């Protein structure tokens, strides 16, 4: 039952597709997204580059004076 729930969740997320449903045990699935980790890694690299750029830029308007 747990495996079925995991497969259904992966199917809902579009990561796998059932190619052969059967009333017998042993449905066949096809993996649709193989490069999920690579996409995540490239996104993290991009985010790190943006953070480095922000860190190296002179801070402007960080100290604001409020008047009443």
PDB file of N, CA and C in Angstrom:
ATOM      1  N   UNK A   1       0.823  -1.195   0.000  1.00  0.00           N
ATOM      2  CA  UNK A   1       0.000   0.000   0.000  1.00  0.00           C
ATOM      3  C   UNK A   1       0.870   1.264   0.000  1.00  0.00           C
ATOM      4  N   UNK A   2       1.964   1.223   0.773  1.00  0.00           N
ATOM      5  CA  UNK A   2       2.859   2.375   0.830  1.00  0.00           C
ATOM      6  C   UNK A   2       3.508   2.626  -0.519  1.00  0.00           C
ATOM      7  N   UNK A   3       3.962   1.573  -1.190  1.00  0.00           N
ATOM      8  CA  UNK A   3       4.583   1.721  -2.510  1.00  0.00           C
ATOM      9  C   UNK A   3       3.588   2.317  -3.497  1.00  0.00           C
ATOM     10  N   UNK A   4       2.354   1.868  -3.433  1.00  0.00           N
ATOM     11  CA  UNK A   4       1.332   2.384  -4.339  1.00  0.00           C
ATOM     12  C   UNK A   4       1.142   3.883  -4.122  1.00  0.00           C
ATOM     13  N   UNK A   5       1.149   4.301  -2.864  1.00  0.00           N
ATOM     14  CA  UNK A   5       1.001   5.723  -2.545  1.00  0.00           C
ATOM     15  C   UNK A   5       2.182   6.526  -3.095  1.00  0.00           C
ATOM     16  N   UNK A   6       3.398   5.995  -2.953  1.00  0.00           N
ATOM     17  CA  UNK A   6       4.581   6.678  -3.493  1.00  0.00           C
ATOM     18  C   UNK A   6       4.522   6.782  -5.013  1.00  0.00           C
ATOM     19  N   UNK A   7       4.132   5.696  -5.660  1.00  0.00           N
ATOM     20  CA  UNK A   7       4.043   5.725  -7.116  1.00  0.00           C
ATOM     21  C   UNK A   7       2.976   6.719  -7.585  1.00  0.00           C
ATOM     22  N   UNK A   8       1.847   6.761  -6.896  1.00  0.00           N
ATOM     23  CA  UNK A   8       0.799   7.717  -7.262  1.00  0.00           C
ATOM     24  C   UNK A   8       1.277   9.155  -7.094  1.00  0.00           C
ATOM     25  N   UNK A   9       2.024   9.416  -6.030  1.00  0.00           N
ATOM     26  CA  UNK A   9       2.545  10.769  -5.802  1.00  0.00           C
ATOM     27  C   UNK A   9       3.554  11.146  -6.888  1.00  0.00           C
ATOM     28  N   UNK A  10       4.437  10.237  -7.250  1.00  0.00           N
ATOM     29  CA  UNK A  10       5.395  10.508  -8.324  1.00  0.00           C
ATOM     30  C   UNK A  10       4.687  10.716  -9.657  1.00  0.00           C
ATOM     31  N   UNK A  11       3.612   9.967  -9.857  1.00  0.00           N
ATOM     32  CA  UNK A  11       2.830  10.109 -11.089  1.00  0.00           C
ATOM     33  C   UNK A  11       2.131  11.477 -11.122  1.00  0.00           C
ATOM     34  N   UNK A  12       1.570  11.908  -9.996  1.00  0.00           N
ATOM     35  CA  UNK A  12       0.918  13.217  -9.920  1.00  0.00           C
ATOM     36  C   UNK A  12       1.897  14.352 -10.184  1.00  0.00           C
ATOM     37  N   UNK A  13       3.136  14.184  -9.746  1.00  0.00           N
ATOM     38  CA  UNK A  13       4.155  15.222  -9.941  1.00  0.00           C
ATOM     39  C   UNK A  13       4.757  15.185 -11.337  1.00  0.00           C
ATOM     40  N   UNK A  14       4.351  14.221 -12.138  1.00  0.00           N
ATOM     41  CA  UNK A  14       4.834  14.151 -13.512  1.00  0.00           C
ATOM     42  C   UNK A  14       6.228  13.577 -13.651  1.00  0.00           C
ATOM     43  N   UNK A  15       6.683  12.844 -12.647  1.00  0.00           N
ATOM     44  CA  UNK A  15       8.028  12.288 -12.695  1.00  0.00           C
ATOM     45  C   UNK A  15       8.046  10.887 -13.303  1.00  0.00           C
ATOM     46  N   UNK A  16       6.936  10.159 -13.182  1.00  0.00           N
ATOM     47  CA  UNK A  16       6.828   8.831 -13.783  1.00  0.00           C
ATOM     48  C   UNK A  16       5.479   8.724 -14.479  1.00  0.00           C
ATOM     49  N   UNK A  17       5.362   7.707 -15.338  1.00  0.00           N
ATOM     50  CA  UNK A  17       4.106   7.456 -16.034  1.00  0.00           C
ATOM     51  C   UNK A  17       3.876   5.952 -16.033  1.00  0.00           C
ATOM     52  N   UNK A  18       2.657   5.559 -15.727  1.00  0.00           N
ATOM     53  CA  UNK A  18       2.310   4.146 -15.746  1.00  0.00           C
ATOM     54  C   UNK A  18       2.103   3.731 -17.202  1.00  0.00           C
ATOM     55  N   UNK A  19       2.866   2.752 -17.646  1.00  0.00           N
ATOM     56  CA  UNK A  19       2.776   2.308 -19.032  1.00  0.00           C
ATOM     57  C   UNK A  19       1.882   1.086 -19.180  1.00  0.00           C
ATOM     58  N   UNK A  20       1.656   0.348 -18.091  1.00  0.00           N
ATOM     59  CA  UNK A  20       0.828  -0.848 -18.164  1.00  0.00           C
ATOM     60  C   UNK A  20       0.182  -1.097 -16.808  1.00  0.00           C
ATOM     61  N   UNK A  21      -1.094  -0.755 -16.698  1.00  0.00           N
ATOM     62  CA  UNK A  21      -1.836  -1.028 -15.462  1.00  0.00           C
ATOM     63  C   UNK A  21      -2.430  -2.425 -15.550  1.00  0.00           C
ATOM     64  N   UNK A  22      -2.392  -3.099 -14.422  1.00  0.00           N
ATOM     65  CA  UNK A  22      -2.877  -4.469 -14.406  1.00  0.00           C
ATOM     66  C   UNK A  22      -3.617  -4.717 -13.103  1.00  0.00           C
ATOM     67  N   UNK A  23      -4.585  -5.620 -13.143  1.00  0.00           N
ATOM     68  CA  UNK A  23      -5.256  -6.027 -11.903  1.00  0.00           C
ATOM     69  C   UNK A  23      -4.340  -6.926 -11.089  1.00  0.00           C
ATOM     70  N   UNK A  24      -3.372  -7.509 -11.737  1.00  0.00           N
ATOM     71  CA  UNK A  24      -2.387  -8.334 -11.050  1.00  0.00           C
ATOM     72  C   UNK A  24      -1.309  -7.423 -10.479  1.00  0.00           C
ATOM     73  N   UNK A  25      -0.578  -7.888  -9.475  1.00  0.00           N
ATOM     74  CA  UNK A  25       0.538  -7.082  -8.973  1.00  0.00           C
ATOM     75  C   UNK A  25       1.595  -6.902 -10.067  1.00  0.00           C
ATOM     76  N   UNK A  26       2.195  -5.749 -10.114  1.00  0.00           N
ATOM     77  CA  UNK A  26       3.273  -5.542 -11.060  1.00  0.00           C
ATOM     78  C   UNK A  26       2.969  -4.560 -12.167  1.00  0.00           C
ATOM     79  N   UNK A  27       2.399  -3.405 -11.857  1.00  0.00           N
ATOM     80  CA  UNK A  27       2.227  -2.362 -12.867  1.00  0.00           C
ATOM     81  C   UNK A  27       3.602  -1.949 -13.392  1.00  0.00           C
ATOM     82  N   UNK A  28       3.656  -1.487 -14.629  1.00  0.00           N
ATOM     83  CA  UNK A  28       4.907  -1.032 -15.220  1.00  0.00           C
ATOM     84  C   UNK A  28       4.897   0.491 -15.287  1.00  0.00           C
ATOM     85  N   UNK A  29       6.016   1.087 -14.879  1.00  0.00           N
ATOM     86  CA  UNK A  29       6.155   2.536 -14.872  1.00  0.00           C
ATOM     87  C   UNK A  29       7.364   2.946 -15.697  1.00  0.00           C
ATOM     88  N   UNK A  30       7.291   4.154 -16.238  1.00  0.00           N
ATOM     89  CA  UNK A  30       8.390   4.725 -17.005  1.00  0.00           C
ATOM     90  C   UNK A  30       8.814   6.014 -16.311  1.00  0.00           C
ATOM     91  N   UNK A  31      10.112   6.193 -16.140  1.00  0.00           N
ATOM     92  CA  UNK A  31      10.631   7.417 -15.535  1.00  0.00           C
ATOM     93  C   UNK A  31      10.665   8.492 -16.606  1.00  0.00           C
ATOM     94  N   UNK A  32      10.022   9.611 -16.324  1.00  0.00           N
ATOM     95  CA  UNK A  32       9.946  10.704 -17.288  1.00  0.00           C
ATOM     96  C   UNK A  32      11.072  11.705 -17.057  1.00  0.00           C
ATOM     97  N   UNK A  33      11.327  12.069 -15.802  1.00  0.00           N
ATOM     98  CA  UNK A  33      12.331  13.079 -15.478  1.00  0.00           C
ATOM     99  C   UNK A  33      13.559  12.387 -14.881  1.00  0.00           C
ATOM    100  N   UNK A  34      14.646  12.348 -15.649  1.00  0.00           N
ATOM    101  CA  UNK A  34      15.894  11.775 -15.162  1.00  0.00           C
ATOM    102  C   UNK A  34      16.814  12.847 -14.609  1.00  0.00           C
ATOM    103  N   UNK A  35      16.735  14.038 -15.126  1.00  0.00           N
ATOM    104  CA  UNK A  35      17.698  15.079 -14.770  1.00  0.00           C
ATOM    105  C   UNK A  35      17.203  16.004 -13.666  1.00  0.00           C
ATOM    106  N   UNK A  36      16.357  15.509 -12.782  1.00  0.00           N
ATOM    107  CA  UNK A  36      15.804  16.327 -11.705  1.00  0.00           C
ATOM    108  C   UNK A  36      16.910  16.899 -10.821  1.00  0.00           C
ATOM    109  N   UNK A  37      17.901  16.073 -10.475  1.00  0.00           N
ATOM    110  CA  UNK A  37      18.993  16.539  -9.623  1.00  0.00           C
ATOM    111  C   UNK A  37      19.815  17.598 -10.337  1.00  0.00           C
ATOM    112  N   UNK A  38      20.081  17.421 -11.611  1.00  0.00           N
ATOM    113  CA  UNK A  38      20.863  18.396 -12.367  1.00  0.00           C
ATOM    114  C   UNK A  38      20.138  19.735 -12.440  1.00  0.00           C
ATOM    115  N   UNK A  39      18.818  19.723 -12.605  1.00  0.00           N
ATOM    116  CA  UNK A  39      18.049  20.966 -12.629  1.00  0.00           C
ATOM    117  C   UNK A  39      18.128  21.667 -11.283  1.00  0.00           C
ATOM    118  N   UNK A  40      18.017  20.898 -10.215  1.00  0.00           N
ATOM    119  CA  UNK A  40      18.106  21.473  -8.874  1.00  0.00           C
ATOM    120  C   UNK A  40      19.487  22.067  -8.641  1.00  0.00           C
ATOM    121  N   UNK A  41      20.530  21.354  -9.044  1.00  0.00           N
ATOM    122  CA  UNK A  41      21.893  21.820  -8.851  1.00  0.00           C
ATOM    123  C   UNK A  41      22.155  23.106  -9.635  1.00  0.00           C
ATOM    124  N   UNK A  42      21.682  23.185 -10.873  1.00  0.00           N
ATOM    125  CA  UNK A  42      21.904  24.398 -11.662  1.00  0.00           C
ATOM    126  C   UNK A  42      21.152  25.582 -11.051  1.00  0.00           C
ATOM    127  N   UNK A  43      19.977  25.336 -10.500  1.00  0.00           N
ATOM    128  CA  UNK A  43      19.230  26.392  -9.822  1.00  0.00           C
ATOM    129  C   UNK A  43      19.959  26.886  -8.587  1.00  0.00           C
ATOM    130  N   UNK A  44      20.581  25.965  -7.854  1.00  0.00           N
ATOM    131  CA  UNK A  44      21.335  26.348  -6.660  1.00  0.00           C
ATOM    132  C   UNK A  44      22.579  27.136  -7.052  1.00  0.00           C
ATOM    133  N   UNK A  45      23.243  26.747  -8.145  1.00  0.00           N
ATOM    134  CA  UNK A  45      24.415  27.485  -8.614  1.00  0.00           C
ATOM    135  C   UNK A  45      24.034  28.912  -8.986  1.00  0.00           C
ATOM    136  N   UNK A  46      22.899  29.066  -9.653  1.00  0.00           N
ATOM    137  CA  UNK A  46      22.428  30.395 -10.040  1.00  0.00           C
ATOM    138  C   UNK A  46      22.116  31.231  -8.796  1.00  0.00           C
ATOM    139  N   UNK A  47      21.465  30.634  -7.820  1.00  0.00           N
ATOM    140  CA  UNK A  47      21.126  31.353  -6.598  1.00  0.00           C
ATOM    141  C   UNK A  47      22.393  31.771  -5.856  1.00  0.00           C
ATOM    142  N   UNK A  48      23.402  30.894  -5.799  1.00  0.00           N
ATOM    143  CA  UNK A  48      24.660  31.247  -5.132  1.00  0.00           C
ATOM    144  C   UNK A  48      25.366  32.397  -5.841  1.00  0.00           C
ATOM    145  N   UNK A  49      25.319  32.424  -7.170  1.00  0.00           N
ATOM    146  CA  UNK A  49      25.933  33.516  -7.921  1.00  0.00           C
ATOM    147  C   UNK A  49      25.242  34.840  -7.614  1.00  0.00           C
ATOM    148  N   UNK A  50      23.927  34.824  -7.533  1.00  0.00           N
ATOM    149  CA  UNK A  50      23.174  36.037  -7.209  1.00  0.00           C
ATOM    150  C   UNK A  50      23.495  36.509  -5.795  1.00  0.00           C
ATOM    151  N   UNK A  51      23.571  35.578  -4.851  1.00  0.00           N
ATOM    152  CA  UNK A  51      23.893  35.948  -3.468  1.00  0.00           C
ATOM    153  C   UNK A  51      25.300  36.524  -3.361  1.00  0.00           C
ATOM    154  N   UNK A  52      26.252  35.946  -4.092  1.00  0.00           N
ATOM    155  CA  UNK A  52      27.613  36.476  -4.084  1.00  0.00           C
ATOM    156  C   UNK A  52      27.649  37.887  -4.653  1.00  0.00           C
ATOM    157  N   UNK A  53      26.911  38.115  -5.730  1.00  0.00           N
ATOM    158  CA  UNK A  53      26.865  39.442  -6.332  1.00  0.00           C
ATOM    159  C   UNK A  53      26.285  40.453  -5.354  1.00  0.00           C
ATOM    160  N   UNK A  54      25.207  40.077  -4.671  1.00  0.00           N
ATOM    161  CA  UNK A  54      24.596  40.979  -3.690  1.00  0.00           C
ATOM    162  C   UNK A  54      25.527  41.235  -2.518  1.00  0.00           C
ATOM    163  N   UNK A  55      26.277  40.211  -2.120  1.00  0.00           N
ATOM    164  CA  UNK A  55      27.182  40.360  -0.990  1.00  0.00           C
ATOM    165  C   UNK A  55      28.343  41.289  -1.333  1.00  0.00           C
ATOM    166  N   UNK A  56      28.808  41.250  -2.578  1.00  0.00           N
ATOM    167  CA  UNK A  56      29.958  42.040  -2.989  1.00  0.00           C
ATOM    168  C   UNK A  56      29.610  43.474  -3.373  1.00  0.00           C
ATOM    169  N   UNK A  57      28.357  43.761  -3.660  1.00  0.00           N
ATOM    170  CA  UNK A  57      27.952  45.124  -4.002  1.00  0.00           C
ATOM    171  C   UNK A  57      27.934  45.971  -2.741  1.00  0.00           C
ATOM    172  N   UNK A  58      28.309  47.253  -2.888  1.00  0.00           N
ATOM    173  CA  UNK A  58      28.234  48.125  -1.702  1.00  0.00           C
ATOM    174  C   UNK A  58      26.780  48.237  -1.236  1.00  0.00           C
ATOM    175  N   UNK A  59      26.605  48.138   0.045  1.00  0.00           N
ATOM    176  CA  UNK A  59      25.240  48.215   0.575  1.00  0.00           C
ATOM    177  C   UNK A  59      24.741  49.649   0.517  1.00  0.00           C
ATOM    178  N   UNK A  60      23.586  49.796  -0.060  1.00  0.00           N
ATOM    179  CA  UNK A  60      22.962  51.115  -0.173  1.00  0.00           C
ATOM    180  C   UNK A  60      21.598  51.049   0.491  1.00  0.00           C
ATOM    181  N   UNK A  61      21.259  52.116   1.156  1.00  0.00           N
ATOM    182  CA  UNK A  61      19.935  52.256   1.776  1.00  0.00           C
ATOM    183  C   UNK A  61      19.665  51.186   2.824  1.00  0.00           C
ATOM    184  N   UNK A  62      20.724  50.652   3.435  1.00  0.00           N
ATOM    185  CA  UNK A  62      20.482  49.680   4.489  1.00  0.00           C
ATOM    186  C   UNK A  62      20.133  50.366   5.808  1.00  0.00           C
ATOM    187  N   UNK A  63      20.718  51.537   6.000  1.00  0.00           N
ATOM    188  CA  UNK A  63      20.436  52.288   7.216  1.00  0.00           C
ATOM    189  C   UNK A  63      19.491  53.432   6.862  1.00  0.00           C
ATOM    190  N   UNK A  64      18.287  53.341   7.315  1.00  0.00           N
ATOM    191  CA  UNK A  64      17.286  54.347   7.008  1.00  0.00           C
ATOM    192  C   UNK A  64      16.915  55.064   8.294  1.00  0.00           C
ATOM    193  N   UNK A  65      16.802  56.351   8.228  1.00  0.00           N
ATOM    194  CA  UNK A  65      16.416  57.130   9.387  1.00  0.00           C
ATOM    195  C   UNK A  65      14.923  57.408   9.310  1.00  0.00           C
ATOM    196  N   UNK A  66      14.230  57.121  10.379  1.00  0.00           N
ATOM    197  CA  UNK A  66      12.803  57.372  10.433  1.00  0.00           C
ATOM    198  C   UNK A  66      12.546  58.597  11.293  1.00  0.00           C
ATOM    199  N   UNK A  67      11.675  59.468  10.838  1.00  0.00           N
ATOM    200  CA  UNK A  67      11.318  60.649  11.613  1.00  0.00           C
ATOM    201  C   UNK A  67       9.846  60.579  11.955  1.00  0.00           C
ATOM    202  N   UNK A  68       9.527  61.114  13.112  1.00  0.00           N
ATOM    203  CA  UNK A  68       8.131  61.136  13.552  1.00  0.00           C
ATOM    204  C   UNK A  68       7.485  62.431  13.186  1.00  0.00           C
TER     205      UNK A  68
END
